[in-house]
PDB file of all heavy atoms in Angstrom:
ATOM      1  N   ARG A   1       0.835   2.158 -10.263  1.00  0.00           N
ATOM      2  CA  ARG A   1      -0.381   2.798  -9.765  1.00  0.00           C
ATOM      3  C   ARG A   1      -1.287   1.812  -9.029  1.00  0.00           C
ATOM      4  O   ARG A   1      -2.370   2.199  -8.583  1.00  0.00           O
ATOM      5  CB  ARG A   1      -1.173   3.398 -10.924  1.00  0.00           C
ATOM      6  CG  ARG A   1      -0.551   4.612 -11.558  1.00  0.00           C
ATOM      7  CD  ARG A   1      -1.423   5.127 -12.684  1.00  0.00           C
ATOM      8  NE  ARG A   1      -2.710   5.646 -12.201  1.00  0.00           N
ATOM      9  CZ  ARG A   1      -3.700   6.009 -12.992  1.00  0.00           C
ATOM     10  NH1 ARG A   1      -3.581   5.890 -14.304  1.00  0.00           N
ATOM     11  NH2 ARG A   1      -4.814   6.487 -12.482  1.00  0.00           N
ATOM     12  N   CYS A   2      -0.859   0.599  -8.899  1.00  0.00           N
ATOM     13  CA  CYS A   2      -1.718  -0.442  -8.334  1.00  0.00           C
ATOM     14  C   CYS A   2      -0.838  -1.426  -7.565  1.00  0.00           C
ATOM     15  O   CYS A   2       0.383  -1.264  -7.491  1.00  0.00           O
ATOM     16  CB  CYS A   2      -2.451  -1.167  -9.449  1.00  0.00           C
ATOM     17  SG  CYS A   2      -1.321  -1.915 -10.661  1.00  0.00           S
ATOM     18  N   SER A   3      -1.451  -2.439  -7.008  1.00  0.00           N
ATOM     19  CA  SER A   3      -0.682  -3.524  -6.402  1.00  0.00           C
ATOM     20  C   SER A   3      -0.104  -4.391  -7.516  1.00  0.00           C
ATOM     21  O   SER A   3      -0.798  -4.684  -8.505  1.00  0.00           O
ATOM     22  CB  SER A   3      -1.576  -4.370  -5.494  1.00  0.00           C
ATOM     23  OG  SER A   3      -2.046  -3.598  -4.413  1.00  0.00           O
ATOM     24  N   PRO A   4       1.144  -4.800  -7.416  1.00  0.00           N
ATOM     25  CA  PRO A   4       1.756  -5.588  -8.480  1.00  0.00           C
ATOM     26  C   PRO A   4       1.168  -6.986  -8.563  1.00  0.00           C
ATOM     27  O   PRO A   4       0.778  -7.571  -7.553  1.00  0.00           O
ATOM     28  CB  PRO A   4       3.235  -5.628  -8.078  1.00  0.00           C
ATOM     29  CG  PRO A   4       3.225  -5.435  -6.590  1.00  0.00           C
ATOM     30  CD  PRO A   4       2.068  -4.530  -6.300  1.00  0.00           C
ATOM     31  N   ASP A   5       1.109  -7.526  -9.775  1.00  0.00           N
ATOM     32  CA  ASP A   5       0.647  -8.907  -9.922  1.00  0.00           C
ATOM     33  C   ASP A   5       1.799  -9.861  -9.621  1.00  0.00           C
ATOM     34  O   ASP A   5       2.934  -9.448  -9.341  1.00  0.00           O
ATOM     35  CB  ASP A   5       0.060  -9.146 -11.309  1.00  0.00           C
ATOM     36  CG  ASP A   5       1.070  -8.978 -12.445  1.00  0.00           C
ATOM     37  OD1 ASP A   5       2.289  -9.018 -12.188  1.00  0.00           O
ATOM     38  OD2 ASP A   5       0.629  -8.809 -13.601  1.00  0.00           O
ATOM     39  N   GLU A   6       1.502 -11.130  -9.677  1.00  0.00           N
ATOM     40  CA  GLU A   6       2.483 -12.141  -9.300  1.00  0.00           C
ATOM     41  C   GLU A   6       3.721 -12.093 -10.184  1.00  0.00           C
ATOM     42  O   GLU A   6       4.852 -12.244  -9.703  1.00  0.00           O
ATOM     43  CB  GLU A   6       1.837 -13.528  -9.373  1.00  0.00           C
ATOM     44  CG  GLU A   6       2.755 -14.656  -8.918  1.00  0.00           C
ATOM     45  CD  GLU A   6       2.058 -16.009  -8.946  1.00  0.00           C
ATOM     46  OE1 GLU A   6       0.813 -16.045  -8.996  1.00  0.00           O
ATOM     47  OE2 GLU A   6       2.778 -17.033  -8.911  1.00  0.00           O
ATOM     48  N   ALA A   7       3.523 -11.855 -11.474  1.00  0.00           N
ATOM     49  CA  ALA A   7       4.660 -11.836 -12.393  1.00  0.00           C
ATOM     50  C   ALA A   7       5.605 -10.678 -12.076  1.00  0.00           C
ATOM     51  O   ALA A   7       6.836 -10.837 -12.092  1.00  0.00           O
ATOM     52  CB  ALA A   7       4.166 -11.733 -13.839  1.00  0.00           C
ATOM     53  N   ILE A   8       5.057  -9.505 -11.777  1.00  0.00           N
ATOM     54  CA  ILE A   8       5.903  -8.353 -11.449  1.00  0.00           C
ATOM     55  C   ILE A   8       6.586  -8.559 -10.112  1.00  0.00           C
ATOM     56  O   ILE A   8       7.777  -8.238  -9.947  1.00  0.00           O
ATOM     57  CB  ILE A   8       5.062  -7.059 -11.465  1.00  0.00           C
ATOM     58  CG1 ILE A   8       4.596  -6.756 -12.901  1.00  0.00           C
ATOM     59  CG2 ILE A   8       5.869  -5.882 -10.915  1.00  0.00           C
ATOM     60  CD1 ILE A   8       3.681  -5.559 -13.019  1.00  0.00           C
ATOM     61  N   MET A   9       5.875  -9.118  -9.147  1.00  0.00           N
ATOM     62  CA  MET A   9       6.487  -9.390  -7.842  1.00  0.00           C
ATOM     63  C   MET A   9       7.647 -10.373  -7.992  1.00  0.00           C
ATOM     64  O   MET A   9       8.697 -10.203  -7.368  1.00  0.00           O
ATOM     65  CB  MET A   9       5.441  -9.945  -6.883  1.00  0.00           C
ATOM     66  CG  MET A   9       4.472  -8.908  -6.357  1.00  0.00           C
ATOM     67  SD  MET A   9       5.273  -7.682  -5.282  1.00  0.00           S
ATOM     68  CE  MET A   9       5.695  -8.690  -3.859  1.00  0.00           C
ATOM     69  N   ARG A  10       7.449 -11.377  -8.810  1.00  0.00           N
ATOM     70  CA  ARG A  10       8.505 -12.367  -9.014  1.00  0.00           C
ATOM     71  C   ARG A  10       9.722 -11.737  -9.660  1.00  0.00           C
ATOM     72  O   ARG A  10      10.871 -11.971  -9.255  1.00  0.00           O
ATOM     73  CB  ARG A  10       7.969 -13.522  -9.858  1.00  0.00           C
ATOM     74  CG  ARG A  10       8.979 -14.648 -10.063  1.00  0.00           C
ATOM     75  CD  ARG A  10       8.323 -15.883 -10.665  1.00  0.00           C
ATOM     76  NE  ARG A  10       7.666 -15.591 -11.928  1.00  0.00           N
ATOM     77  CZ  ARG A  10       6.347 -15.570 -12.116  1.00  0.00           C
ATOM     78  NH1 ARG A  10       5.535 -15.821 -11.092  1.00  0.00           N
ATOM     79  NH2 ARG A  10       5.833 -15.306 -13.301  1.00  0.00           N
ATOM     80  N   LYS A  11       9.488 -10.904 -10.672  1.00  0.00           N
ATOM     81  CA  LYS A  11      10.609 -10.247 -11.349  1.00  0.00           C
ATOM     82  C   LYS A  11      11.332  -9.293 -10.397  1.00  0.00           C
ATOM     83  O   LYS A  11      12.559  -9.247 -10.370  1.00  0.00           O
ATOM     84  CB  LYS A  11      10.105  -9.494 -12.586  1.00  0.00           C
ATOM     85  CG  LYS A  11      11.179  -8.787 -13.380  1.00  0.00           C
ATOM     86  CD  LYS A  11      12.274  -9.742 -13.863  1.00  0.00           C
ATOM     87  CE  LYS A  11      11.732 -10.794 -14.808  1.00  0.00           C
ATOM     88  NZ  LYS A  11      12.829 -11.654 -15.362  1.00  0.00           N
ATOM     89  N   ALA A  12      10.578  -8.539  -9.608  1.00  0.00           N
ATOM     90  CA  ALA A  12      11.195  -7.633  -8.630  1.00  0.00           C
ATOM     91  C   ALA A  12      12.047  -8.418  -7.639  1.00  0.00           C
ATOM     92  O   ALA A  12      13.158  -8.001  -7.277  1.00  0.00           O
ATOM     93  CB  ALA A  12      10.120  -6.837  -7.901  1.00  0.00           C
ATOM     94  N   GLY A  13      11.540  -9.555  -7.194  1.00  0.00           N
ATOM     95  CA  GLY A  13      12.286 -10.380  -6.249  1.00  0.00           C
ATOM     96  C   GLY A  13      13.600 -10.879  -6.816  1.00  0.00           C
ATOM     97  O   GLY A  13      14.589 -11.018  -6.079  1.00  0.00           O
ATOM     98  N   GLU A  14      13.631 -11.150  -8.122  1.00  0.00           N
ATOM     99  CA  GLU A  14      14.873 -11.603  -8.752  1.00  0.00           C
ATOM    100  C   GLU A  14      15.976 -10.560  -8.626  1.00  0.00           C
ATOM    101  O   GLU A  14      17.164 -10.894  -8.603  1.00  0.00           O
ATOM    102  CB  GLU A  14      14.622 -11.905 -10.229  1.00  0.00           C
ATOM    103  CG  GLU A  14      13.747 -13.120 -10.474  1.00  0.00           C
ATOM    104  CD  GLU A  14      13.451 -13.327 -11.952  1.00  0.00           C
ATOM    105  OE1 GLU A  14      14.054 -12.606 -12.790  1.00  0.00           O
ATOM    106  OE2 GLU A  14      12.616 -14.194 -12.280  1.00  0.00           O
ATOM    107  N   TYR A  15      15.584  -9.287  -8.542  1.00  0.00           N
ATOM    108  CA  TYR A  15      16.547  -8.196  -8.427  1.00  0.00           C
ATOM    109  C   TYR A  15      16.690  -7.685  -6.995  1.00  0.00           C
ATOM    110  O   TYR A  15      17.304  -6.644  -6.772  1.00  0.00           O
ATOM    111  CB  TYR A  15      16.144  -7.050  -9.356  1.00  0.00           C
ATOM    112  CG  TYR A  15      16.177  -7.416 -10.819  1.00  0.00           C
ATOM    113  CD1 TYR A  15      15.011  -7.377 -11.583  1.00  0.00           C
ATOM    114  CD2 TYR A  15      17.361  -7.810 -11.432  1.00  0.00           C
ATOM    115  CE1 TYR A  15      15.036  -7.714 -12.933  1.00  0.00           C
ATOM    116  CE2 TYR A  15      17.387  -8.155 -12.768  1.00  0.00           C
ATOM    117  CZ  TYR A  15      16.225  -8.111 -13.517  1.00  0.00           C
ATOM    118  OH  TYR A  15      16.256  -8.449 -14.852  1.00  0.00           O
ATOM    119  N   GLY A  16      16.122  -8.402  -6.054  1.00  0.00           N
ATOM    120  CA  GLY A  16      16.250  -8.005  -4.654  1.00  0.00           C
ATOM    121  C   GLY A  16      15.318  -6.893  -4.229  1.00  0.00           C
ATOM    122  O   GLY A  16      15.490  -6.320  -3.143  1.00  0.00           O
ATOM    123  N   LEU A  17      14.321  -6.569  -5.043  1.00  0.00           N
ATOM    124  CA  LEU A  17      13.365  -5.516  -4.683  1.00  0.00           C
ATOM    125  C   LEU A  17      12.214  -6.150  -3.913  1.00  0.00           C
ATOM    126  O   LEU A  17      11.090  -6.297  -4.401  1.00  0.00           O
ATOM    127  CB  LEU A  17      12.850  -4.803  -5.931  1.00  0.00           C
ATOM    128  CG  LEU A  17      13.904  -4.192  -6.857  1.00  0.00           C
ATOM    129  CD1 LEU A  17      13.241  -3.446  -8.008  1.00  0.00           C
ATOM    130  CD2 LEU A  17      14.835  -3.262  -6.091  1.00  0.00           C
ATOM    131  N   THR A  18      12.493  -6.521  -2.683  1.00  0.00           N
ATOM    132  CA  THR A  18      11.525  -7.258  -1.875  1.00  0.00           C
ATOM    133  C   THR A  18      10.786  -6.369  -0.874  1.00  0.00           C
ATOM    134  O   THR A  18       9.869  -6.820  -0.202  1.00  0.00           O
ATOM    135  CB  THR A  18      12.212  -8.398  -1.116  1.00  0.00           C
ATOM    136  OG1 THR A  18      13.286  -7.857  -0.315  1.00  0.00           O
ATOM    137  CG2 THR A  18      12.802  -9.418  -2.087  1.00  0.00           C
ATOM    138  N   GLY A  19      11.194  -5.098  -0.768  1.00  0.00           N
ATOM    139  CA  GLY A  19      10.467  -4.156   0.078  1.00  0.00           C
ATOM    140  C   GLY A  19       9.307  -3.545  -0.689  1.00  0.00           C
ATOM    141  O   GLY A  19       9.396  -3.305  -1.894  1.00  0.00           O
ATOM    142  N   GLU A  20       8.215  -3.313  -0.002  1.00  0.00           N
ATOM    143  CA  GLU A  20       7.022  -2.761  -0.652  1.00  0.00           C
ATOM    144  C   GLU A  20       6.435  -1.657   0.208  1.00  0.00           C
ATOM    145  O   GLU A  20       6.294  -1.809   1.426  1.00  0.00           O
ATOM    146  CB  GLU A  20       5.984  -3.862  -0.870  1.00  0.00           C
ATOM    147  CG  GLU A  20       4.730  -3.407  -1.578  1.00  0.00           C
ATOM    148  CD  GLU A  20       3.776  -4.558  -1.878  1.00  0.00           C
ATOM    149  OE1 GLU A  20       4.202  -5.730  -1.794  1.00  0.00           O
ATOM    150  OE2 GLU A  20       2.598  -4.287  -2.185  1.00  0.00           O
ATOM    151  N   SER A  21       6.104  -0.544  -0.410  1.00  0.00           N
ATOM    152  CA  SER A  21       5.483   0.560   0.317  1.00  0.00           C
ATOM    153  C   SER A  21       4.407   1.203  -0.548  1.00  0.00           C
ATOM    154  O   SER A  21       4.485   1.183  -1.772  1.00  0.00           O
ATOM    155  CB  SER A  21       6.522   1.619   0.717  1.00  0.00           C
ATOM    156  OG  SER A  21       7.086   2.237  -0.428  1.00  0.00           O
ATOM    157  N   GLY A  22       3.395   1.754   0.117  1.00  0.00           N
ATOM    158  CA  GLY A  22       2.319   2.435  -0.587  1.00  0.00           C
ATOM    159  C   GLY A  22       2.360   3.924  -0.318  1.00  0.00           C
ATOM    160  O   GLY A  22       2.811   4.372   0.736  1.00  0.00           O
ATOM    161  N   GLN A  23       1.899   4.694  -1.282  1.00  0.00           N
ATOM    162  CA  GLN A  23       1.916   6.147  -1.160  1.00  0.00           C
ATOM    163  C   GLN A  23       0.659   6.728  -1.786  1.00  0.00           C
ATOM    164  O   GLN A  23       0.381   6.491  -2.969  1.00  0.00           O
ATOM    165  CB  GLN A  23       3.156   6.720  -1.845  1.00  0.00           C
ATOM    166  CG  GLN A  23       3.504   8.128  -1.436  1.00  0.00           C
ATOM    167  CD  GLN A  23       4.871   8.549  -1.960  1.00  0.00           C
ATOM    168  OE1 GLN A  23       5.343   8.068  -2.980  1.00  0.00           O
ATOM    169  NE2 GLN A  23       5.501   9.483  -1.264  1.00  0.00           N
ATOM    170  N   PRO A  24      -0.122   7.496  -1.021  1.00  0.00           N
ATOM    171  CA  PRO A  24      -1.326   8.110  -1.588  1.00  0.00           C
ATOM    172  C   PRO A  24      -0.982   9.068  -2.725  1.00  0.00           C
ATOM    173  O   PRO A  24      -0.069   9.889  -2.591  1.00  0.00           O
ATOM    174  CB  PRO A  24      -1.939   8.855  -0.394  1.00  0.00           C
ATOM    175  CG  PRO A  24      -1.371   8.194   0.815  1.00  0.00           C
ATOM    176  CD  PRO A  24       0.012   7.773   0.424  1.00  0.00           C
ATOM    177  N   PHE A  25      -1.721   8.949  -3.817  1.00  0.00           N
ATOM    178  CA  PHE A  25      -1.612   9.870  -4.939  1.00  0.00           C
ATOM    179  C   PHE A  25      -2.831  10.779  -4.862  1.00  0.00           C
ATOM    180  O   PHE A  25      -3.970  10.318  -4.967  1.00  0.00           O
ATOM    181  CB  PHE A  25      -1.586   9.102  -6.266  1.00  0.00           C
ATOM    182  CG  PHE A  25      -1.379   9.958  -7.483  1.00  0.00           C
ATOM    183  CD1 PHE A  25      -0.216  10.686  -7.658  1.00  0.00           C
ATOM    184  CD2 PHE A  25      -2.351  10.031  -8.480  1.00  0.00           C
ATOM    185  CE1 PHE A  25      -0.010  11.468  -8.790  1.00  0.00           C
ATOM    186  CE2 PHE A  25      -2.164  10.803  -9.620  1.00  0.00           C
ATOM    187  CZ  PHE A  25      -0.979  11.515  -9.774  1.00  0.00           C
ATOM    188  N   MET A  26      -2.590  12.084  -4.675  1.00  0.00           N
ATOM    189  CA  MET A  26      -3.662  13.029  -4.405  1.00  0.00           C
ATOM    190  C   MET A  26      -3.777  14.029  -5.552  1.00  0.00           C
ATOM    191  O   MET A  26      -2.763  14.437  -6.135  1.00  0.00           O
ATOM    192  CB  MET A  26      -3.422  13.751  -3.079  1.00  0.00           C
ATOM    193  CG  MET A  26      -3.191  12.812  -1.914  1.00  0.00           C
ATOM    194  SD  MET A  26      -3.036  13.654  -0.308  1.00  0.00           S
ATOM    195  CE  MET A  26      -4.765  14.061   0.017  1.00  0.00           C
ATOM    196  N   VAL A  27      -5.006  14.413  -5.846  1.00  0.00           N
ATOM    197  CA  VAL A  27      -5.283  15.262  -7.006  1.00  0.00           C
ATOM    198  C   VAL A  27      -6.252  16.366  -6.595  1.00  0.00           C
ATOM    199  O   VAL A  27      -7.097  16.174  -5.716  1.00  0.00           O
ATOM    200  CB  VAL A  27      -5.890  14.410  -8.152  1.00  0.00           C
ATOM    201  CG1 VAL A  27      -6.233  15.284  -9.351  1.00  0.00           C
ATOM    202  CG2 VAL A  27      -4.930  13.308  -8.569  1.00  0.00           C
ATOM    203  N   MET A  28      -6.133  17.526  -7.253  1.00  0.00           N
ATOM    204  CA  MET A  28      -7.029  18.633  -6.961  1.00  0.00           C
ATOM    205  C   MET A  28      -7.176  19.534  -8.183  1.00  0.00           C
ATOM    206  O   MET A  28      -6.167  19.926  -8.778  1.00  0.00           O
ATOM    207  CB  MET A  28      -6.482  19.470  -5.795  1.00  0.00           C
ATOM    208  CG  MET A  28      -7.338  20.667  -5.447  1.00  0.00           C
ATOM    209  SD  MET A  28      -6.659  21.634  -4.079  1.00  0.00           S
ATOM    210  CE  MET A  28      -5.236  22.359  -4.852  1.00  0.00           C
ATOM    211  N   PRO A  29      -8.404  19.886  -8.570  1.00  0.00           N
ATOM    212  CA  PRO A  29      -8.565  20.937  -9.576  1.00  0.00           C
ATOM    213  C   PRO A  29      -8.057  22.251  -8.997  1.00  0.00           C
ATOM    214  O   PRO A  29      -8.390  22.600  -7.866  1.00  0.00           O
ATOM    215  CB  PRO A  29     -10.084  20.990  -9.809  1.00  0.00           C
ATOM    216  CG  PRO A  29     -10.619  19.715  -9.232  1.00  0.00           C
ATOM    217  CD  PRO A  29      -9.689  19.335  -8.127  1.00  0.00           C
ATOM    218  N   LEU A  30      -7.266  22.977  -9.740  1.00  0.00           N
ATOM    219  CA  LEU A  30      -6.669  24.182  -9.177  1.00  0.00           C
ATOM    220  C   LEU A  30      -7.672  25.301  -8.955  1.00  0.00           C
ATOM    221  O   LEU A  30      -7.394  26.240  -8.209  1.00  0.00           O
ATOM    222  CB  LEU A  30      -5.521  24.672 -10.058  1.00  0.00           C
ATOM    223  CG  LEU A  30      -4.193  23.982  -9.762  1.00  0.00           C
ATOM    224  CD1 LEU A  30      -3.103  24.469 -10.692  1.00  0.00           C
ATOM    225  CD2 LEU A  30      -3.771  24.189  -8.325  1.00  0.00           C
ATOM    226  N   THR A  31      -8.846  25.201  -9.546  1.00  0.00           N
ATOM    227  CA  THR A  31      -9.869  26.193  -9.238  1.00  0.00           C
ATOM    228  C   THR A  31     -10.265  26.111  -7.769  1.00  0.00           C
ATOM    229  O   THR A  31     -10.655  27.102  -7.166  1.00  0.00           O
ATOM    230  CB  THR A  31     -11.114  25.967 -10.110  1.00  0.00           C
ATOM    231  OG1 THR A  31     -11.505  24.584 -10.005  1.00  0.00           O
ATOM    232  CG2 THR A  31     -10.826  26.304 -11.554  1.00  0.00           C
ATOM    233  N   ASP A  32     -10.140  24.918  -7.169  1.00  0.00           N
ATOM    234  CA  ASP A  32     -10.460  24.765  -5.745  1.00  0.00           C
ATOM    235  C   ASP A  32      -9.515  25.579  -4.882  1.00  0.00           C
ATOM    236  O   ASP A  32      -9.891  26.085  -3.834  1.00  0.00           O
ATOM    237  CB  ASP A  32     -10.370  23.296  -5.326  1.00  0.00           C
ATOM    238  CG  ASP A  32     -11.458  22.443  -5.966  1.00  0.00           C
ATOM    239  OD1 ASP A  32     -12.336  23.028  -6.625  1.00  0.00           O
ATOM    240  OD2 ASP A  32     -11.426  21.220  -5.806  1.00  0.00           O
ATOM    241  N   ALA A  33      -8.273  25.715  -5.314  1.00  0.00           N
ATOM    242  CA  ALA A  33      -7.275  26.420  -4.498  1.00  0.00           C
ATOM    243  C   ALA A  33      -7.560  27.912  -4.438  1.00  0.00           C
ATOM    244  O   ALA A  33      -7.165  28.584  -3.490  1.00  0.00           O
ATOM    245  CB  ALA A  33      -5.875  26.178  -5.062  1.00  0.00           C
ATOM    246  N   SER A  34      -8.248  28.434  -5.460  1.00  0.00           N
ATOM    247  CA  SER A  34      -8.457  29.874  -5.507  1.00  0.00           C
ATOM    248  C   SER A  34      -9.328  30.368  -4.366  1.00  0.00           C
ATOM    249  O   SER A  34      -9.330  31.553  -4.050  1.00  0.00           O
ATOM    250  CB  SER A  34      -9.092  30.263  -6.842  1.00  0.00           C
ATOM    251  OG  SER A  34     -10.365  29.656  -6.991  1.00  0.00           O
ATOM    252  N   ALA A  35     -10.081  29.448  -3.726  1.00  0.00           N
ATOM    253  CA  ALA A  35     -10.976  29.855  -2.648  1.00  0.00           C
ATOM    254  C   ALA A  35     -10.297  29.846  -1.291  1.00  0.00           C
ATOM    255  O   ALA A  35     -10.891  30.238  -0.294  1.00  0.00           O
ATOM    256  CB  ALA A  35     -12.191  28.927  -2.614  1.00  0.00           C
ATOM    257  N   LEU A  36      -9.048  29.391  -1.225  1.00  0.00           N
ATOM    258  CA  LEU A  36      -8.355  29.306   0.053  1.00  0.00           C
ATOM    259  C   LEU A  36      -8.016  30.690   0.585  1.00  0.00           C
ATOM    260  O   LEU A  36      -7.546  31.559  -0.139  1.00  0.00           O
ATOM    261  CB  LEU A  36      -7.059  28.501  -0.091  1.00  0.00           C
ATOM    262  CG  LEU A  36      -7.216  27.007  -0.348  1.00  0.00           C
ATOM    263  CD1 LEU A  36      -5.859  26.399  -0.673  1.00  0.00           C
ATOM    264  CD2 LEU A  36      -7.835  26.314   0.848  1.00  0.00           C
ATOM    265  N   ALA A  37      -8.247  30.883   1.883  1.00  0.00           N
ATOM    266  CA  ALA A  37      -7.869  32.150   2.511  1.00  0.00           C
ATOM    267  C   ALA A  37      -6.365  32.171   2.724  1.00  0.00           C
ATOM    268  O   ALA A  37      -5.758  31.161   3.062  1.00  0.00           O
ATOM    269  CB  ALA A  37      -8.583  32.302   3.853  1.00  0.00           C
ATOM    270  N   PRO A  38      -5.692  33.304   2.520  1.00  0.00           N
ATOM    271  CA  PRO A  38      -4.248  33.386   2.747  1.00  0.00           C
ATOM    272  C   PRO A  38      -3.893  33.035   4.184  1.00  0.00           C
ATOM    273  O   PRO A  38      -4.576  33.437   5.125  1.00  0.00           O
ATOM    274  CB  PRO A  38      -3.929  34.850   2.440  1.00  0.00           C
ATOM    275  CG  PRO A  38      -5.052  35.327   1.587  1.00  0.00           C
ATOM    276  CD  PRO A  38      -6.260  34.580   2.045  1.00  0.00           C
ATOM    277  N   GLN A  39      -2.810  32.257   4.347  1.00  0.00           N
ATOM    278  CA  GLN A  39      -2.388  31.829   5.683  1.00  0.00           C
ATOM    279  C   GLN A  39      -0.957  32.253   5.981  1.00  0.00           C
ATOM    280  O   GLN A  39      -0.334  31.727   6.881  1.00  0.00           O
ATOM    281  CB  GLN A  39      -2.501  30.295   5.780  1.00  0.00           C
ATOM    282  CG  GLN A  39      -3.908  29.752   5.560  1.00  0.00           C
ATOM    283  CD  GLN A  39      -4.822  30.030   6.720  1.00  0.00           C
ATOM    284  OE1 GLN A  39      -4.401  30.026   7.875  1.00  0.00           O
ATOM    285  NE2 GLN A  39      -6.086  30.298   6.428  1.00  0.00           N
ATOM    286  N   GLY A  40      -0.431  33.186   5.212  1.00  0.00           N
ATOM    287  CA  GLY A  40       0.996  33.470   5.267  1.00  0.00           C
ATOM    288  C   GLY A  40       1.520  33.977   6.585  1.00  0.00           C
ATOM    289  O   GLY A  40       2.543  33.524   7.075  1.00  0.00           O
ATOM    290  N   GLY A  41       0.835  34.938   7.207  1.00  0.00           N
ATOM    291  CA  GLY A  41       1.343  35.489   8.455  1.00  0.00           C
ATOM    292  C   GLY A  41       2.718  36.083   8.260  1.00  0.00           C
ATOM    293  O   GLY A  41       2.950  36.883   7.361  1.00  0.00           O
ATOM    294  N   GLN A  42       3.656  35.674   9.113  1.00  0.00           N
ATOM    295  CA  GLN A  42       5.014  36.199   9.067  1.00  0.00           C
ATOM    296  C   GLN A  42       5.936  35.360   8.187  1.00  0.00           C
ATOM    297  O   GLN A  42       7.141  35.603   8.156  1.00  0.00           O
ATOM    298  CB  GLN A  42       5.583  36.272  10.489  1.00  0.00           C
ATOM    299  CG  GLN A  42       4.795  37.178  11.413  1.00  0.00           C
ATOM    300  CD  GLN A  42       4.724  38.606  10.881  1.00  0.00           C
ATOM    301  OE1 GLN A  42       5.744  39.194  10.521  1.00  0.00           O
ATOM    302  NE2 GLN A  42       3.520  39.155  10.814  1.00  0.00           N
ATOM    303  N   VAL A  43       5.372  34.381   7.488  1.00  0.00           N
ATOM    304  CA  VAL A  43       6.185  33.515   6.641  1.00  0.00           C
ATOM    305  C   VAL A  43       6.231  34.079   5.222  1.00  0.00           C
ATOM    306  O   VAL A  43       5.203  34.424   4.646  1.00  0.00           O
ATOM    307  CB  VAL A  43       5.624  32.086   6.614  1.00  0.00           C
ATOM    308  CG1 VAL A  43       6.477  31.200   5.711  1.00  0.00           C
ATOM    309  CG2 VAL A  43       5.577  31.513   8.027  1.00  0.00           C
TER     310      VAL A  43
END
């Protein structure tokens, strides 16, 4: 959930896991979704 510290980076490198990528983790209370207007159309 965070950037790895030096110890984790070192251990990952020992196993060849030298690529690093980030991914947004997004959250929403589902009550917010109830206000959305339907967008279905022909789908």
